């Protein structure tokens, strides 16, 4: 996990979320606190990947680090209440997972050593979930896994793709997350660039409020609050290709960029009946907890917009 130059702990996420502490606003977007959220009428199932070396090096991109991330985080999510702190689980994504549970959804981990499948008979086959979150994969997807991921989205699933900056190979196997995501999209047997999104192999840090001006976008203006800013602490941008996928869209751009097809920091697309969200930095989801000895930083609370972005995106992927 990367050093974040300015850490402003603003408290733990609750169902209602905190008042916004972002200091810069897009001129067309009003700053507001999120309104209280009711429990989900239709609970959704979220699966977080731990099969692609997401805990290599200082990384802790899992719900609950434990000794080896297991399917169900402990203590069990049935014991979580509205006042449970994110430290209840000790993973870099525990705040995200606990926030989803507080809304009535269920979360699980796909443990290391388990293959990513779709359309099979396994208990953790992707057909049994609504959204699959893969935060900074450090091992390439196999050919079969690529087919599973793309068909999962094609048939209605939601995929949250999180990368990091170029040359961020934590397990030293010659592959880092932006290259791995590009490999999924460029080299598969289903469709070339199915989502119309490509990660740029670059590395930059900045805070931007250069977002899509439309107030109807539910990721930027959702039930969990308005997203006004995004901070990259060493991340990679993206480009979109609307010829490959006419729905590919940028939501947040680099601070000095035009709102075009490049320099994108958050992108979305639909494919078949499913949905994809892509971001080029793992820091905004990092809640600062994880395995003992790792260097951890609370990006989740550094800007109030970070939790809002990931939560609104999660609900959009789940078609809520």
Protein backbone atom coordinates (compact mmCIF):
# COMPACT_ATOMS: atom_id res chain seq x y z
CA UNK A 1 0.00 0.00 0.00
CA UNK A 2 1.33 3.35 -1.04
CA UNK A 3 2.31 6.30 1.06
CA UNK A 4 -0.39 8.92 1.09
CA UNK A 5 1.05 12.36 1.63
CA UNK A 6 -1.89 13.83 3.53
CA UNK A 7 -4.05 11.66 5.75
CA UNK A 8 -7.18 13.19 7.21
CA UNK A 9 -9.01 10.56 9.24
CA UNK A 10 -12.65 11.58 9.19
CA UNK A 11 -14.10 8.73 11.14
CA UNK A 12 -15.54 5.38 10.27
CA UNK A 13 -18.22 4.84 7.68
CA UNK A 14 -21.73 4.36 9.05
CA UNK A 15 -24.96 3.71 7.25
CA UNK A 16 -25.59 7.40 6.96
CA UNK A 17 -21.91 8.20 6.14
CA UNK A 18 -20.13 11.29 7.35
CA UNK A 19 -20.48 14.90 6.28
CA UNK A 20 -18.19 15.67 3.33
CA UNK A 21 -14.71 16.97 4.09
CA UNK A 22 -13.65 17.40 0.47
CA UNK A 23 -12.13 20.81 0.09
CA UNK A 24 -12.58 21.40 -3.63
CA UNK A 25 -15.85 21.07 -5.56
CA UNK A 26 -16.75 20.81 -9.19
CA UNK A 27 -18.50 24.04 -10.04
CA UNK A 28 -21.63 22.27 -11.22
CA UNK A 29 -21.98 19.92 -8.25
CA UNK A 30 -23.25 20.96 -4.83
CA UNK A 31 -21.57 19.52 -1.78
CA UNK A 32 -23.91 17.57 0.47
CA UNK A 33 -23.85 14.87 3.07
CA UNK A 34 -25.36 11.51 2.26
CA UNK A 35 -28.88 10.88 3.46
CA UNK A 36 -29.51 7.91 5.75
CA UNK A 37 -29.72 4.62 3.84
CA UNK A 38 -32.32 1.98 4.55
CA UNK A 39 -31.58 -1.71 4.53
CA UNK A 40 -31.62 -3.35 1.14
CA UNK A 41 -35.01 -4.65 0.02
CA UNK A 42 -33.25 -7.17 -2.22
CA UNK A 43 -29.94 -8.21 -0.66
CA UNK A 44 -27.10 -8.74 -3.15
CA UNK A 45 -24.08 -11.03 -2.95
CA UNK A 46 -20.62 -9.51 -3.34
CA UNK A 47 -17.53 -11.66 -3.89
CA UNK A 48 -14.04 -10.22 -3.28
CA UNK A 49 -11.13 -11.96 -4.99
CA UNK A 50 -8.09 -13.21 -3.06
CA UNK A 51 -6.72 -15.61 -5.71
CA UNK A 52 -4.37 -13.22 -7.54
CA UNK A 53 -1.76 -12.38 -4.89
CA UNK A 54 -3.82 -9.52 -3.49
CA UNK A 55 -1.86 -9.79 -0.23
CA UNK A 56 1.62 -9.82 -1.77
CA UNK A 57 4.15 -7.37 -0.34
CA UNK A 58 2.43 -4.58 1.56
CA UNK A 59 -0.90 -5.24 -0.15
CA UNK A 60 -3.94 -6.25 1.88
CA UNK A 61 -6.69 -6.02 -0.74
CA UNK A 62 -9.00 -8.40 1.09
CA UNK A 63 -11.94 -8.15 3.47
CA UNK A 64 -10.20 -9.93 6.33
CA UNK A 65 -6.49 -10.71 6.26
CA UNK A 66 -6.52 -13.53 8.85
CA UNK A 67 -3.61 -15.94 8.34
CA UNK A 68 -4.88 -16.68 4.85
CA UNK A 69 -8.07 -14.94 3.69
CA UNK A 70 -10.95 -17.40 4.04
CA UNK A 71 -14.36 -17.51 2.41
CA UNK A 72 -16.26 -15.94 5.29
CA UNK A 73 -14.66 -13.06 7.20
CA UNK A 74 -14.57 -13.43 10.97
CA UNK A 75 -16.30 -12.54 13.21
CA UNK A 76 -19.31 -13.56 11.14
CA UNK A 77 -21.14 -10.76 9.34
CA UNK A 78 -24.39 -11.77 11.03
CA UNK A 79 -22.96 -10.16 14.17
CA UNK A 80 -22.40 -6.76 12.52
CA UNK A 81 -24.61 -3.91 13.71
CA UNK A 82 -25.05 -0.29 12.70
CA UNK A 83 -22.28 0.73 15.09
CA UNK A 84 -19.70 -1.94 14.22
CA UNK A 85 -16.33 -0.33 13.37
CA UNK A 86 -14.44 -1.33 10.23
CA UNK A 87 -11.65 -2.70 12.45
CA UNK A 88 -14.01 -5.60 13.23
CA UNK A 89 -12.28 -7.21 10.24
CA UNK A 90 -8.57 -6.74 9.59
CA UNK A 91 -8.25 -6.35 5.84
CA UNK A 92 -7.54 -3.34 3.66
CA UNK A 93 -11.06 -3.60 2.24
CA UNK A 94 -12.84 -4.26 5.54
CA UNK A 95 -14.49 -0.82 5.64
CA UNK A 96 -15.97 -1.47 2.19
CA UNK A 97 -17.22 -4.91 3.15
CA UNK A 98 -18.70 -3.85 6.48
CA UNK A 99 -20.45 -0.90 4.81
CA UNK A 100 -22.11 -3.30 2.36
CA UNK A 101 -23.19 -5.61 5.19
CA UNK A 102 -24.69 -2.66 7.05
CA UNK A 103 -26.87 -2.05 4.00
CA UNK A 104 -28.15 -5.64 4.18
CA UNK A 105 -25.92 -7.30 1.60
CA UNK A 106 -23.60 -10.28 2.02
CA UNK A 107 -19.89 -10.40 1.28
CA UNK A 108 -17.51 -13.29 0.73
CA UNK A 109 -13.90 -13.89 -0.25
CA UNK A 110 -12.74 -16.18 -3.05
CA UNK A 111 -9.75 -17.77 -1.27
CA UNK A 112 -6.28 -18.22 -2.72
CA UNK A 113 -5.95 -21.47 -4.65
CA UNK A 114 -9.54 -21.33 -5.92
CA UNK A 115 -10.18 -20.97 -9.65
CA UNK A 116 -12.46 -18.23 -10.95
CA UNK A 117 -15.31 -20.04 -12.72
CA UNK A 118 -18.65 -19.19 -14.26
CA UNK A 119 -21.42 -21.62 -15.11
CA UNK A 120 -20.00 -24.43 -13.01
CA UNK A 121 -21.26 -26.35 -10.00
CA UNK A 122 -18.95 -24.96 -7.32
CA UNK A 123 -20.36 -23.13 -4.31
CA UNK A 124 -18.33 -20.03 -5.24
CA UNK A 125 -18.95 -20.10 -8.96
CA UNK A 126 -19.59 -16.56 -10.17
CA UNK A 127 -23.16 -17.45 -11.17
CA UNK A 128 -23.96 -17.41 -7.44
CA UNK A 129 -22.97 -13.74 -7.03
CA UNK A 130 -24.12 -10.35 -8.23
CA UNK A 131 -20.82 -8.47 -8.11
CA UNK A 132 -17.19 -9.60 -8.29
CA UNK A 133 -14.53 -7.22 -6.93
CA UNK A 134 -10.90 -7.72 -7.99
CA UNK A 135 -8.57 -5.20 -6.36
CA UNK A 136 -5.08 -5.04 -7.88
CA UNK A 137 -4.54 -8.56 -9.25
CA UNK A 138 -0.86 -9.52 -9.34
CA UNK A 139 -1.22 -12.83 -11.17
CA UNK A 140 -2.54 -13.17 -14.73
CA UNK A 141 -5.96 -14.66 -15.28
CA UNK A 142 -5.89 -18.04 -16.99
CA UNK A 143 -7.59 -18.47 -20.35
CA UNK A 144 -10.51 -20.21 -18.64
CA UNK A 145 -10.77 -17.45 -16.02
CA UNK A 146 -10.83 -14.77 -18.72
CA UNK A 147 -13.74 -16.53 -20.38
CA UNK A 148 -15.50 -16.85 -17.02
CA UNK A 149 -15.08 -13.16 -16.16
CA UNK A 150 -16.27 -11.83 -19.50
CA UNK A 151 -19.24 -14.19 -19.69
CA UNK A 152 -20.18 -13.37 -16.10
CA UNK A 153 -20.54 -9.74 -17.11
CA UNK A 154 -22.17 -10.57 -20.44
CA UNK A 155 -24.88 -12.52 -18.63
CA UNK A 156 -25.69 -9.87 -16.04
CA UNK A 157 -22.89 -9.76 -13.48
CA UNK A 158 -21.11 -6.71 -12.13
CA UNK A 159 -17.29 -6.51 -12.26
CA UNK A 160 -15.28 -3.96 -10.27
CA UNK A 161 -11.81 -3.70 -11.82
CA UNK A 162 -9.19 -1.97 -9.65
CA UNK A 163 -5.62 -1.46 -10.86
CA UNK A 164 -2.52 0.33 -9.61
CA UNK A 165 0.28 2.24 -11.32
CA UNK A 166 2.61 0.67 -13.85
CA UNK A 167 5.62 -1.16 -12.39
CA UNK A 168 3.65 -2.21 -9.31
CA UNK A 169 4.46 -5.91 -9.54
CA UNK A 170 4.21 -6.89 -5.86
CA UNK A 171 5.00 -10.59 -6.27
CA UNK A 172 7.78 -10.13 -8.87
CA UNK A 173 6.27 -12.45 -11.46
CA UNK A 174 6.71 -9.95 -14.29
CA UNK A 175 3.07 -8.80 -14.33
CA UNK A 176 1.40 -5.88 -12.59
CA UNK A 177 -2.30 -5.06 -12.33
CA UNK A 178 -2.76 -2.62 -15.25
CA UNK A 179 -1.02 -5.03 -17.60
CA UNK A 180 -3.06 -7.94 -16.22
CA UNK A 181 -6.34 -6.11 -16.81
CA UNK A 182 -5.23 -5.19 -20.33
CA UNK A 183 -4.30 -8.82 -20.95
CA UNK A 184 -7.80 -9.89 -19.93
CA UNK A 185 -9.37 -7.46 -22.37
CA UNK A 186 -7.00 -7.92 -25.29
CA UNK A 187 -6.26 -11.65 -25.18
CA UNK A 188 -9.35 -13.76 -24.66
CA UNK A 189 -11.55 -16.07 -26.70
CA UNK A 190 -14.79 -14.15 -26.20
CA UNK A 191 -14.36 -10.62 -27.59
CA UNK A 192 -11.50 -8.18 -28.10
CA UNK A 193 -11.76 -5.27 -25.68
CA UNK A 194 -15.30 -6.20 -24.61
CA UNK A 195 -15.64 -3.28 -22.20
CA UNK A 196 -13.93 -0.66 -24.37
CA UNK A 197 -11.52 0.21 -21.53
CA UNK A 198 -7.70 0.10 -21.59
CA UNK A 199 -5.34 1.00 -18.77
CA UNK A 200 -2.55 3.40 -19.66
CA UNK A 201 0.81 2.16 -18.37
CA UNK A 202 1.64 5.30 -16.43
CA UNK A 203 2.12 6.46 -12.84
CA UNK A 204 0.88 9.71 -11.36
CA UNK A 205 -0.49 11.19 -8.15
CA UNK A 206 -3.02 14.00 -7.97
CA UNK A 207 -6.35 15.08 -6.54
CA UNK A 208 -9.01 15.98 -9.07
CA UNK A 209 -12.54 17.34 -9.04
CA UNK A 210 -12.81 17.06 -12.85
CA UNK A 211 -15.88 14.85 -12.98
CA UNK A 212 -18.80 14.22 -15.28
CA UNK A 213 -21.16 17.17 -14.91
CA UNK A 214 -24.37 15.14 -15.26
CA UNK A 215 -26.18 15.02 -11.94
CA UNK A 216 -28.20 11.97 -12.98
CA UNK A 217 -25.24 9.59 -12.83
CA UNK A 218 -25.89 7.36 -9.83
CA UNK A 219 -22.24 6.53 -9.20
CA UNK A 220 -21.33 10.19 -8.79
CA UNK A 221 -24.68 11.22 -7.31
CA UNK A 222 -25.98 8.12 -5.57
CA UNK A 223 -27.71 7.13 -2.37
CA UNK A 224 -24.39 7.02 -0.52
CA UNK A 225 -23.58 10.65 -1.28
CA UNK A 226 -22.19 12.98 -3.95
CA UNK A 227 -18.68 12.27 -5.27
CA UNK A 228 -16.82 15.54 -5.78
CA UNK A 229 -13.18 14.49 -5.65
CA UNK A 230 -10.80 11.61 -6.20
CA UNK A 231 -7.21 11.31 -5.04
CA UNK A 232 -4.72 9.04 -6.78
CA UNK A 233 -1.65 8.17 -4.73
CA UNK A 234 0.34 6.61 -7.58
CA UNK A 235 -2.13 5.19 -10.08
CA UNK A 236 -2.73 4.63 -13.79
CA UNK A 237 -5.19 6.39 -16.04
CA UNK A 238 -7.41 4.79 -18.69
CA UNK A 239 -8.59 5.36 -22.23
CA UNK A 240 -11.94 4.32 -23.64
CA UNK A 241 -12.80 3.08 -27.12
CA UNK A 242 -16.45 3.66 -27.98
CA UNK A 243 -16.01 1.74 -31.23
CA UNK A 244 -15.19 -1.39 -29.25
CA UNK A 245 -17.99 -0.68 -26.76
CA UNK A 246 -20.41 2.18 -27.37
CA UNK A 247 -21.32 2.39 -23.67
CA UNK A 248 -17.77 2.98 -22.40
CA UNK A 249 -17.76 6.25 -20.46
CA UNK A 250 -15.42 8.33 -18.35
CA UNK A 251 -16.72 9.59 -15.01
CA UNK A 252 -13.64 11.28 -13.53
CA UNK A 253 -10.62 12.70 -15.37
CA UNK A 254 -7.22 14.12 -14.51
CA UNK A 255 -7.52 17.63 -13.15
CA UNK A 256 -6.28 19.49 -16.25
CA UNK A 257 -7.72 17.13 -18.87
CA UNK A 258 -10.66 17.66 -21.17
CA UNK A 259 -13.53 15.28 -20.56
CA UNK A 260 -12.58 13.07 -23.49
CA UNK A 261 -11.53 9.48 -24.16
CA UNK A 262 -8.17 9.60 -22.35
CA UNK A 263 -6.71 10.64 -18.98
CA UNK A 264 -9.65 8.92 -17.29
CA UNK A 265 -9.42 7.97 -13.62
CA UNK A 266 -12.80 6.20 -13.29
CA UNK A 267 -14.63 4.56 -16.20
CA UNK A 268 -17.76 2.48 -16.63
CA UNK A 269 -19.32 0.33 -19.31
CA UNK A 270 -22.08 -2.18 -19.86
CA UNK A 271 -21.57 -5.42 -21.75
CA UNK A 272 -24.44 -7.73 -22.56
CA UNK A 273 -26.70 -7.37 -19.53
CA UNK A 274 -23.86 -6.76 -17.06
CA UNK A 275 -21.87 -3.77 -15.85
CA UNK A 276 -18.23 -2.82 -15.27
CA UNK A 277 -16.55 -0.13 -13.15
CA UNK A 278 -12.81 0.51 -13.55
CA UNK A 279 -10.44 2.62 -11.46
CA UNK A 280 -6.66 2.94 -11.78
CA UNK A 281 -5.59 3.20 -8.14
CA UNK A 282 -6.11 0.92 -5.15
CA UNK A 283 -5.38 3.63 -2.57
CA UNK A 284 -8.91 5.14 -2.35
CA UNK A 285 -10.33 1.78 -1.22
CA UNK A 286 -7.58 1.17 1.36
CA UNK A 287 -8.95 1.55 4.88
CA UNK A 288 -5.61 1.26 6.66
CA UNK A 289 -6.12 -2.12 8.36
CA UNK A 290 -4.58 -5.45 7.49
CA UNK A 291 -2.00 -8.03 8.42
CA UNK A 292 0.52 -7.16 11.11
CA UNK A 293 3.74 -5.74 9.70
CA UNK A 294 2.26 -4.28 6.53
CA UNK A 295 2.50 -0.55 5.85
CA UNK A 296 -1.09 0.67 5.72
CA UNK A 297 -2.79 4.01 5.02
CA UNK A 298 -6.48 5.01 5.34
CA UNK A 299 -7.37 6.19 1.85
CA UNK A 300 -11.00 5.22 2.40
CA UNK A 301 -11.45 8.07 4.87
CA UNK A 302 -8.89 10.51 3.47
CA UNK A 303 -11.61 12.06 1.33
CA UNK A 304 -15.29 11.45 2.05
CA UNK A 305 -15.80 11.02 -1.69
CA UNK A 306 -13.71 7.83 -1.70
CA UNK A 307 -16.19 5.74 0.29
CA UNK A 308 -19.10 7.31 -1.59
CA UNK A 309 -17.56 6.45 -4.96
CA UNK A 310 -16.94 2.81 -4.10
CA UNK A 311 -20.29 2.31 -2.40
CA UNK A 312 -22.33 4.01 -5.13
CA UNK A 313 -20.40 2.02 -7.74
CA UNK A 314 -21.04 -1.23 -5.85
CA UNK A 315 -24.77 -0.60 -5.81
CA UNK A 316 -24.78 0.39 -9.49
CA UNK A 317 -22.95 -2.83 -10.39
CA UNK A 318 -25.57 -4.76 -8.40
CA UNK A 319 -28.31 -2.93 -10.34
CA UNK A 320 -29.67 -1.16 -7.28
